[in-house]
Full PDB file with SEQRES, HELIX, SHEET, SSBOND, CRYST1, ORIGX, SCALE, CONECT and MASTER records, all heavy atoms in Angstrom:
SEQRES   1 A   34  SER ARG ASP ASN ALA LYS ASN THR VAL TYR LEU GLN MET          
SEQRES   2 A   34  LYS SER LEU LYS PRO GLU ASP THR ALA VAL TYR TYR CYS          
SEQRES   3 A   34  GLY ALA GLY SER VAL ILE GLY ARG                              
HELIX    1 AA1 ASN A    4  LYS A    6  5                                   3    
HELIX    2 AA2 PRO A   18  ASP A   20  5                                   3    
SHEET    1 AA1 2 ARG A   2  ASP A   3  0                                        
SHEET    2 AA1 2 THR A   8  VAL A   9 -1                                        
CRYST1    1.000    1.000    1.000  90.00  90.00  90.00 P 1           1          
ORIGX1      1.000000  0.000000  0.000000        0.00000                         
ORIGX2      0.000000  1.000000  0.000000        0.00000                         
ORIGX3      0.000000  0.000000  1.000000        0.00000                         
SCALE1      1.000000  0.000000  0.000000        0.00000                         
SCALE2      0.000000  1.000000  0.000000        0.00000                         
SCALE3      0.000000  0.000000  1.000000        0.00000                         
ATOM      1  N   SER A   1       0.892  -1.194   0.000  1.00  0.00           N  
ATOM      2  CA  SER A   1       0.023  -0.002   0.042  1.00  0.00           C  
ATOM      3  C   SER A   1       0.918   1.244   0.075  1.00  0.00           C  
ATOM      4  O   SER A   1       2.029   1.161   0.223  1.00  0.00           O  
ATOM      5  CB  SER A   1      -0.975   0.043   1.203  1.00  0.00           C  
ATOM      6  OG  SER A   1      -0.219   0.016   2.389  1.00  0.00           O  
ATOM      7  N   ARG A   2       0.357   2.311  -0.276  1.00  0.00           N  
ATOM      8  CA  ARG A   2       1.035   3.645  -0.268  1.00  0.00           C  
ATOM      9  C   ARG A   2       0.246   4.739   0.313  1.00  0.00           C  
ATOM     10  O   ARG A   2      -0.984   4.764   0.160  1.00  0.00           O  
ATOM     11  CB  ARG A   2       1.660   3.941  -1.593  1.00  0.00           C  
ATOM     12  CG  ARG A   2       0.640   4.253  -2.737  1.00  0.00           C  
ATOM     13  CD  ARG A   2       1.197   4.385  -4.099  1.00  0.00           C  
ATOM     14  NE  ARG A   2       2.032   5.530  -4.130  1.00  0.00           N  
ATOM     15  CZ  ARG A   2       2.841   5.776  -5.287  1.00  0.00           C  
ATOM     16  NH1 ARG A   2       2.982   4.991  -6.291  1.00  0.00           N  
ATOM     17  NH2 ARG A   2       3.542   6.943  -5.301  1.00  0.00           N  
ATOM     18  N   ASP A   3       1.014   5.771   0.783  1.00  0.00           N  
ATOM     19  CA  ASP A   3       0.312   6.967   1.324  1.00  0.00           C  
ATOM     20  C   ASP A   3       1.036   8.083   0.435  1.00  0.00           C  
ATOM     21  O   ASP A   3       2.177   8.368   0.771  1.00  0.00           O  
ATOM     22  CB  ASP A   3       0.593   7.165   2.723  1.00  0.00           C  
ATOM     23  CG  ASP A   3      -0.065   8.382   3.349  1.00  0.00           C  
ATOM     24  OD1 ASP A   3      -0.333   9.363   2.508  1.00  0.00           O  
ATOM     25  OD2 ASP A   3      -0.295   8.480   4.510  1.00  0.00           O  
ATOM     26  N   ASN A   4       0.366   8.533  -0.623  1.00  0.00           N  
ATOM     27  CA  ASN A   4       1.024   9.497  -1.506  1.00  0.00           C  
ATOM     28  C   ASN A   4       1.281  10.857  -0.799  1.00  0.00           C  
ATOM     29  O   ASN A   4       2.270  11.576  -1.223  1.00  0.00           O  
ATOM     30  CB  ASN A   4       0.033   9.753  -2.690  1.00  0.00           C  
ATOM     31  CG  ASN A   4      -0.032   8.564  -3.662  1.00  0.00           C  
ATOM     32  OD1 ASN A   4       0.987   7.920  -3.896  1.00  0.00           O  
ATOM     33  ND2 ASN A   4      -1.272   8.367  -4.124  1.00  0.00           N  
ATOM     34  N   ALA A   5       0.490  11.245   0.162  1.00  0.00           N  
ATOM     35  CA  ALA A   5       0.774  12.511   0.932  1.00  0.00           C  
ATOM     36  C   ALA A   5       2.063  12.371   1.662  1.00  0.00           C  
ATOM     37  O   ALA A   5       2.683  13.407   1.882  1.00  0.00           O  
ATOM     38  CB  ALA A   5      -0.437  12.703   1.890  1.00  0.00           C  
ATOM     39  N   LYS A   6       2.481  11.171   2.067  1.00  0.00           N  
ATOM     40  CA  LYS A   6       3.714  10.973   2.772  1.00  0.00           C  
ATOM     41  C   LYS A   6       4.818  10.393   2.057  1.00  0.00           C  
ATOM     42  O   LYS A   6       5.932  10.156   2.488  1.00  0.00           O  
ATOM     43  CB  LYS A   6       3.468  10.077   4.054  1.00  0.00           C  
ATOM     44  CG  LYS A   6       2.455  10.631   4.972  1.00  0.00           C  
ATOM     45  CD  LYS A   6       2.217   9.615   6.145  1.00  0.00           C  
ATOM     46  CE  LYS A   6       1.201  10.242   7.282  1.00  0.00           C  
ATOM     47  NZ  LYS A   6       1.012   9.312   8.383  1.00  0.00           N  
ATOM     48  N   ASN A   7       4.606  10.209   0.710  1.00  0.00           N  
ATOM     49  CA  ASN A   7       5.612   9.579  -0.150  1.00  0.00           C  
ATOM     50  C   ASN A   7       6.162   8.277   0.421  1.00  0.00           C  
ATOM     51  O   ASN A   7       7.342   8.047   0.433  1.00  0.00           O  
ATOM     52  CB  ASN A   7       6.757  10.545  -0.384  1.00  0.00           C  
ATOM     53  CG  ASN A   7       6.409  11.824  -1.191  1.00  0.00           C  
ATOM     54  OD1 ASN A   7       5.431  11.779  -1.862  1.00  0.00           O  
ATOM     55  ND2 ASN A   7       7.060  12.915  -0.920  1.00  0.00           N  
ATOM     56  N   THR A   8       5.197   7.470   0.950  1.00  0.00           N  
ATOM     57  CA  THR A   8       5.682   6.310   1.650  1.00  0.00           C  
ATOM     58  C   THR A   8       4.920   5.163   1.067  1.00  0.00           C  
ATOM     59  O   THR A   8       3.752   5.123   0.755  1.00  0.00           O  
ATOM     60  CB  THR A   8       5.191   6.428   3.125  1.00  0.00           C  
ATOM     61  OG1 THR A   8       5.962   7.618   3.683  1.00  0.00           O  
ATOM     62  CG2 THR A   8       5.610   5.259   3.926  1.00  0.00           C  
ATOM     63  N   VAL A   9       5.620   3.962   0.994  1.00  0.00           N  
ATOM     64  CA  VAL A   9       5.118   2.735   0.616  1.00  0.00           C  
ATOM     65  C   VAL A   9       5.275   1.723   1.620  1.00  0.00           C  
ATOM     66  O   VAL A   9       6.235   1.719   2.315  1.00  0.00           O  
ATOM     67  CB  VAL A   9       5.668   2.203  -0.760  1.00  0.00           C  
ATOM     68  CG1 VAL A   9       7.187   1.909  -0.571  1.00  0.00           C  
ATOM     69  CG2 VAL A   9       4.911   1.050  -1.263  1.00  0.00           C  
ATOM     70  N   TYR A  10       4.236   0.920   1.919  1.00  0.00           N  
ATOM     71  CA  TYR A  10       4.308  -0.065   2.900  1.00  0.00           C  
ATOM     72  C   TYR A  10       4.205  -1.555   2.352  1.00  0.00           C  
ATOM     73  O   TYR A  10       3.715  -1.754   1.247  1.00  0.00           O  
ATOM     74  CB  TYR A  10       3.061   0.043   3.955  1.00  0.00           C  
ATOM     75  CG  TYR A  10       3.020   1.450   4.467  1.00  0.00           C  
ATOM     76  CD1 TYR A  10       2.163   2.405   3.899  1.00  0.00           C  
ATOM     77  CD2 TYR A  10       3.768   1.753   5.616  1.00  0.00           C  
ATOM     78  CE1 TYR A  10       2.030   3.737   4.467  1.00  0.00           C  
ATOM     79  CE2 TYR A  10       3.619   3.092   6.101  1.00  0.00           C  
ATOM     80  CZ  TYR A  10       2.775   3.997   5.546  1.00  0.00           C  
ATOM     81  OH  TYR A  10       2.728   5.284   6.113  1.00  0.00           O  
ATOM     82  N   LEU A  11       4.731  -2.507   3.139  1.00  0.00           N  
ATOM     83  CA  LEU A  11       4.535  -3.950   2.795  1.00  0.00           C  
ATOM     84  C   LEU A  11       4.110  -4.642   4.051  1.00  0.00           C  
ATOM     85  O   LEU A  11       4.919  -4.768   5.012  1.00  0.00           O  
ATOM     86  CB  LEU A  11       5.820  -4.516   2.226  1.00  0.00           C  
ATOM     87  CG  LEU A  11       5.635  -5.996   1.693  1.00  0.00           C  
ATOM     88  CD1 LEU A  11       4.674  -5.901   0.377  1.00  0.00           C  
ATOM     89  CD2 LEU A  11       6.971  -6.666   1.393  1.00  0.00           C  
ATOM     90  N   GLN A  12       2.873  -5.022   4.151  1.00  0.00           N  
ATOM     91  CA  GLN A  12       2.369  -5.769   5.274  1.00  0.00           C  
ATOM     92  C   GLN A  12       2.626  -7.265   4.992  1.00  0.00           C  
ATOM     93  O   GLN A  12       2.023  -7.755   3.984  1.00  0.00           O  
ATOM     94  CB  GLN A  12       0.889  -5.435   5.571  1.00  0.00           C  
ATOM     95  CG  GLN A  12       0.299  -6.335   6.645  1.00  0.00           C  
ATOM     96  CD  GLN A  12       0.857  -5.980   8.022  1.00  0.00           C  
ATOM     97  OE1 GLN A  12       0.795  -4.761   8.410  1.00  0.00           O  
ATOM     98  NE2 GLN A  12       1.336  -6.872   8.738  1.00  0.00           N  
ATOM     99  N   MET A  13       3.346  -7.911   5.876  1.00  0.00           N  
ATOM    100  CA  MET A  13       3.634  -9.320   5.574  1.00  0.00           C  
ATOM    101  C   MET A  13       3.025 -10.193   6.703  1.00  0.00           C  
ATOM    102  O   MET A  13       3.359  -9.821   7.875  1.00  0.00           O  
ATOM    103  CB  MET A  13       5.140  -9.472   5.466  1.00  0.00           C  
ATOM    104  CG  MET A  13       5.791  -8.664   4.448  1.00  0.00           C  
ATOM    105  SD  MET A  13       7.580  -8.935   4.304  1.00  0.00           S  
ATOM    106  CE  MET A  13       8.165  -8.330   5.880  1.00  0.00           C  
ATOM    107  N   LYS A  14       2.285 -11.187   6.301  1.00  0.00           N  
ATOM    108  CA  LYS A  14       1.599 -12.089   7.355  1.00  0.00           C  
ATOM    109  C   LYS A  14       1.966 -13.454   6.912  1.00  0.00           C  
ATOM    110  O   LYS A  14       2.316 -13.770   5.846  1.00  0.00           O  
ATOM    111  CB  LYS A  14       0.080 -11.824   7.267  1.00  0.00           C  
ATOM    112  CG  LYS A  14      -0.373 -10.449   7.735  1.00  0.00           C  
ATOM    113  CD  LYS A  14      -1.926 -10.358   7.663  1.00  0.00           C  
ATOM    114  CE  LYS A  14      -2.295  -8.906   8.090  1.00  0.00           C  
ATOM    115  NZ  LYS A  14      -3.846  -8.785   7.981  1.00  0.00           N  
ATOM    116  N   SER A  15       1.718 -14.351   7.884  1.00  0.00           N  
ATOM    117  CA  SER A  15       1.927 -15.770   7.668  1.00  0.00           C  
ATOM    118  C   SER A  15       3.421 -16.022   7.105  1.00  0.00           C  
ATOM    119  O   SER A  15       3.548 -16.746   6.079  1.00  0.00           O  
ATOM    120  CB  SER A  15       0.920 -16.430   6.727  1.00  0.00           C  
ATOM    121  OG  SER A  15      -0.399 -16.256   7.290  1.00  0.00           O  
ATOM    122  N   LEU A  16       4.308 -15.387   7.673  1.00  0.00           N  
ATOM    123  CA  LEU A  16       5.687 -15.440   7.145  1.00  0.00           C  
ATOM    124  C   LEU A  16       6.260 -16.819   7.276  1.00  0.00           C  
ATOM    125  O   LEU A  16       5.941 -17.616   8.134  1.00  0.00           O  
ATOM    126  CB  LEU A  16       6.600 -14.510   7.852  1.00  0.00           C  
ATOM    127  CG  LEU A  16       6.410 -12.994   7.492  1.00  0.00           C  
ATOM    128  CD1 LEU A  16       6.933 -11.998   8.573  1.00  0.00           C  
ATOM    129  CD2 LEU A  16       6.991 -12.685   6.150  1.00  0.00           C  
ATOM    130  N   LYS A  17       7.016 -17.246   6.178  1.00  0.00           N  
ATOM    131  CA  LYS A  17       7.704 -18.468   6.169  1.00  0.00           C  
ATOM    132  C   LYS A  17       9.238 -18.286   6.114  1.00  0.00           C  
ATOM    133  O   LYS A  17       9.794 -17.181   5.813  1.00  0.00           O  
ATOM    134  CB  LYS A  17       7.342 -19.115   4.801  1.00  0.00           C  
ATOM    135  CG  LYS A  17       5.680 -19.260   4.618  1.00  0.00           C  
ATOM    136  CD  LYS A  17       5.509 -19.839   3.237  1.00  0.00           C  
ATOM    137  CE  LYS A  17       3.916 -19.926   2.972  1.00  0.00           C  
ATOM    138  NZ  LYS A  17       3.573 -20.465   1.709  1.00  0.00           N  
ATOM    139  N   PRO A  18       9.958 -19.330   6.550  1.00  0.00           N  
ATOM    140  CA  PRO A  18      11.448 -19.285   6.465  1.00  0.00           C  
ATOM    141  C   PRO A  18      12.029 -18.813   5.000  1.00  0.00           C  
ATOM    142  O   PRO A  18      12.950 -18.081   5.014  1.00  0.00           O  
ATOM    143  CB  PRO A  18      11.850 -20.639   6.868  1.00  0.00           C  
ATOM    144  CG  PRO A  18      10.732 -21.125   7.746  1.00  0.00           C  
ATOM    145  CD  PRO A  18       9.492 -20.584   7.130  1.00  0.00           C  
ATOM    146  N   GLU A  19      11.225 -19.264   4.024  1.00  0.00           N  
ATOM    147  CA  GLU A  19      11.770 -18.886   2.672  1.00  0.00           C  
ATOM    148  C   GLU A  19      11.451 -17.350   2.325  1.00  0.00           C  
ATOM    149  O   GLU A  19      11.935 -16.981   1.241  1.00  0.00           O  
ATOM    150  CB  GLU A  19      11.046 -19.755   1.651  1.00  0.00           C  
ATOM    151  CG  GLU A  19       9.558 -19.786   1.699  1.00  0.00           C  
ATOM    152  CD  GLU A  19       9.118 -21.018   2.512  1.00  0.00           C  
ATOM    153  OE1 GLU A  19       9.760 -21.400   3.547  1.00  0.00           O  
ATOM    154  OE2 GLU A  19       8.109 -21.669   2.061  1.00  0.00           O  
ATOM    155  N   ASP A  20      10.849 -16.623   3.289  1.00  0.00           N  
ATOM    156  CA  ASP A  20      10.724 -15.182   3.005  1.00  0.00           C  
ATOM    157  C   ASP A  20      11.902 -14.450   3.617  1.00  0.00           C  
ATOM    158  O   ASP A  20      11.992 -13.232   3.330  1.00  0.00           O  
ATOM    159  CB  ASP A  20       9.428 -14.597   3.713  1.00  0.00           C  
ATOM    160  CG  ASP A  20       8.165 -15.246   3.161  1.00  0.00           C  
ATOM    161  OD1 ASP A  20       8.126 -15.276   1.901  1.00  0.00           O  
ATOM    162  OD2 ASP A  20       7.259 -15.602   3.956  1.00  0.00           O  
ATOM    163  N   THR A  21      12.779 -15.190   4.238  1.00  0.00           N  
ATOM    164  CA  THR A  21      14.054 -14.548   4.714  1.00  0.00           C  
ATOM    165  C   THR A  21      14.842 -14.036   3.568  1.00  0.00           C  
ATOM    166  O   THR A  21      15.169 -14.655   2.549  1.00  0.00           O  
ATOM    167  CB  THR A  21      14.835 -15.563   5.497  1.00  0.00           C  
ATOM    168  OG1 THR A  21      14.179 -15.961   6.606  1.00  0.00           O  
ATOM    169  CG2 THR A  21      16.200 -15.001   5.943  1.00  0.00           C  
ATOM    170  N   ALA A  22      15.188 -12.716   3.633  1.00  0.00           N  
ATOM    171  CA  ALA A  22      15.869 -11.935   2.691  1.00  0.00           C  
ATOM    172  C   ALA A  22      16.129 -10.526   3.121  1.00  0.00           C  
ATOM    173  O   ALA A  22      15.660 -10.024   4.115  1.00  0.00           O  
ATOM    174  CB  ALA A  22      15.105 -11.944   1.324  1.00  0.00           C  
ATOM    175  N   VAL A  23      16.939  -9.840   2.312  1.00  0.00           N  
ATOM    176  CA  VAL A  23      17.042  -8.407   2.399  1.00  0.00           C  
ATOM    177  C   VAL A  23      15.955  -7.839   1.465  1.00  0.00           C  
ATOM    178  O   VAL A  23      15.932  -8.127   0.264  1.00  0.00           O  
ATOM    179  CB  VAL A  23      18.398  -7.786   2.104  1.00  0.00           C  
ATOM    180  CG1 VAL A  23      18.438  -6.324   2.159  1.00  0.00           C  
ATOM    181  CG2 VAL A  23      19.482  -8.417   2.983  1.00  0.00           C  
ATOM    182  N   TYR A  24      15.110  -6.879   2.089  1.00  0.00           N  
ATOM    183  CA  TYR A  24      14.067  -6.396   1.271  1.00  0.00           C  
ATOM    184  C   TYR A  24      14.427  -4.914   0.938  1.00  0.00           C  
ATOM    185  O   TYR A  24      14.854  -4.156   1.752  1.00  0.00           O  
ATOM    186  CB  TYR A  24      12.784  -6.362   2.107  1.00  0.00           C  
ATOM    187  CG  TYR A  24      12.055  -7.771   2.215  1.00  0.00           C  
ATOM    188  CD1 TYR A  24      12.702  -8.836   2.880  1.00  0.00           C  
ATOM    189  CD2 TYR A  24      10.902  -7.963   1.512  1.00  0.00           C  
ATOM    190  CE1 TYR A  24      12.191 -10.051   2.908  1.00  0.00           C  
ATOM    191  CE2 TYR A  24      10.299  -9.272   1.500  1.00  0.00           C  
ATOM    192  CZ  TYR A  24      10.869 -10.250   2.181  1.00  0.00           C  
ATOM    193  OH  TYR A  24      10.346 -11.467   2.174  1.00  0.00           O  
ATOM    194  N   TYR A  25      14.260  -4.636  -0.310  1.00  0.00           N  
ATOM    195  CA  TYR A  25      14.609  -3.368  -0.975  1.00  0.00           C  
ATOM    196  C   TYR A  25      13.340  -2.633  -1.416  1.00  0.00           C  
ATOM    197  O   TYR A  25      12.512  -3.213  -2.112  1.00  0.00           O  
ATOM    198  CB  TYR A  25      15.660  -3.518  -2.144  1.00  0.00           C  
ATOM    199  CG  TYR A  25      16.936  -4.041  -1.600  1.00  0.00           C  
ATOM    200  CD1 TYR A  25      17.093  -5.390  -1.679  1.00  0.00           C  
ATOM    201  CD2 TYR A  25      17.966  -3.187  -1.226  1.00  0.00           C  
ATOM    202  CE1 TYR A  25      18.301  -5.983  -1.337  1.00  0.00           C  
ATOM    203  CE2 TYR A  25      19.233  -3.757  -0.873  1.00  0.00           C  
ATOM    204  CZ  TYR A  25      19.389  -5.166  -0.986  1.00  0.00           C  
ATOM    205  OH  TYR A  25      20.575  -5.718  -0.627  1.00  0.00           O  
ATOM    206  N   CYS A  26      13.357  -1.345  -1.206  1.00  0.00           N  
ATOM    207  CA  CYS A  26      12.279  -0.358  -1.676  1.00  0.00           C  
ATOM    208  C   CYS A  26      12.817   0.150  -3.105  1.00  0.00           C  
ATOM    209  O   CYS A  26      13.941   0.666  -3.132  1.00  0.00           O  
ATOM    210  CB  CYS A  26      11.973   0.537  -0.669  1.00  0.00           C  
ATOM    211  SG  CYS A  26      10.879   1.829  -1.394  1.00  0.00           S  
ATOM    212  N   GLY A  27      12.021   0.125  -4.098  1.00  0.00           N  
ATOM    213  CA  GLY A  27      12.438   0.707  -5.383  1.00  0.00           C  
ATOM    214  C   GLY A  27      11.320   1.681  -5.752  1.00  0.00           C  
ATOM    215  O   GLY A  27      10.127   1.506  -5.368  1.00  0.00           O  
ATOM    216  N   ALA A  28      11.750   2.591  -6.589  1.00  0.00           N  
ATOM    217  CA  ALA A  28      10.755   3.693  -7.096  1.00  0.00           C  
ATOM    218  C   ALA A  28      11.155   4.185  -8.449  1.00  0.00           C  
ATOM    219  O   ALA A  28      12.337   4.265  -8.769  1.00  0.00           O  
ATOM    220  CB  ALA A  28      10.644   4.732  -6.082  1.00  0.00           C  
ATOM    221  N   GLY A  29      10.181   4.606  -9.250  1.00  0.00           N  
ATOM    222  CA  GLY A  29      10.519   5.201 -10.550  1.00  0.00           C  
ATOM    223  C   GLY A  29       9.403   5.331 -11.459  1.00  0.00           C  
ATOM    224  O   GLY A  29       8.208   5.060 -11.054  1.00  0.00           O  
ATOM    225  N   SER A  30       9.647   5.605 -12.749  1.00  0.00           N  
ATOM    226  CA  SER A  30       8.547   5.851 -13.655  1.00  0.00           C  
ATOM    227  C   SER A  30       8.060   4.549 -14.299  1.00  0.00           C  
ATOM    228  O   SER A  30       6.892   4.533 -14.781  1.00  0.00           O  
ATOM    229  CB  SER A  30       9.069   6.875 -14.849  1.00  0.00           C  
ATOM    230  OG  SER A  30       9.439   8.065 -14.295  1.00  0.00           O  
ATOM    231  N   VAL A  31       8.833   3.541 -14.264  1.00  0.00           N  
ATOM    232  CA  VAL A  31       8.408   2.292 -14.964  1.00  0.00           C  
ATOM    233  C   VAL A  31       8.459   1.168 -13.933  1.00  0.00           C  
ATOM    234  O   VAL A  31       9.644   0.889 -13.311  1.00  0.00           O  
ATOM    235  CB  VAL A  31       9.380   1.981 -16.185  1.00  0.00           C  
ATOM    236  CG1 VAL A  31       8.992   0.702 -16.880  1.00  0.00           C  
ATOM    237  CG2 VAL A  31       9.274   3.057 -17.175  1.00  0.00           C  
ATOM    238  N   ILE A  32       7.437   0.409 -13.790  1.00  0.00           N  
ATOM    239  CA  ILE A  32       7.464  -0.725 -12.857  1.00  0.00           C  
ATOM    240  C   ILE A  32       8.480  -1.717 -13.393  1.00  0.00           C  
ATOM    241  O   ILE A  32       8.474  -2.194 -14.568  1.00  0.00           O  
ATOM    242  CB  ILE A  32       6.115  -1.249 -12.793  1.00  0.00           C  
ATOM    243  CG1 ILE A  32       5.142  -0.337 -11.951  1.00  0.00           C  
ATOM    244  CG2 ILE A  32       6.186  -2.675 -12.057  1.00  0.00           C  
ATOM    245  CD1 ILE A  32       3.741  -0.847 -11.690  1.00  0.00           C  
ATOM    246  N   GLY A  33       9.304  -2.229 -12.481  1.00  0.00           N  
ATOM    247  CA  GLY A  33      10.163  -3.322 -12.861  1.00  0.00           C  
ATOM    248  C   GLY A  33      11.534  -2.708 -13.316  1.00  0.00           C  
ATOM    249  O   GLY A  33      12.568  -3.429 -13.444  1.00  0.00           O  
ATOM    250  N   ARG A  34      11.582  -1.379 -13.497  1.00  0.00           N  
ATOM    251  CA  ARG A  34      12.836  -0.657 -14.031  1.00  0.00           C  
ATOM    252  C   ARG A  34      13.046   0.482 -13.131  1.00  0.00           C  
ATOM    253  O   ARG A  34      13.149   1.594 -13.674  1.00  0.00           O  
ATOM    254  CB  ARG A  34      12.751  -0.400 -15.425  1.00  0.00           C  
ATOM    255  CG  ARG A  34      12.797  -1.651 -16.319  1.00  0.00           C  
ATOM    256  CD  ARG A  34      12.324  -1.301 -17.745  1.00  0.00           C  
ATOM    257  NE  ARG A  34      13.218  -0.368 -18.372  1.00  0.00           N  
ATOM    258  CZ  ARG A  34      13.012   0.241 -19.590  1.00  0.00           C  
ATOM    259  NH1 ARG A  34      12.031  -0.091 -20.303  1.00  0.00           N  
ATOM    260  NH2 ARG A  34      13.886   1.110 -20.064  1.00  0.00           N  
TER     261      ARG A  34                                                      
MASTER        0    0    0    2    2    0    0    6  260    1    0    3          
END                                                                             
């Protein structure tokens, strides 16, 4: 989700699994995926 007024994006993660273990990075730009 995102709050445009705060220029903030969130990631709510539930039912976490060991395979979710990772470094999580936030990205932003004009083109999704780039």
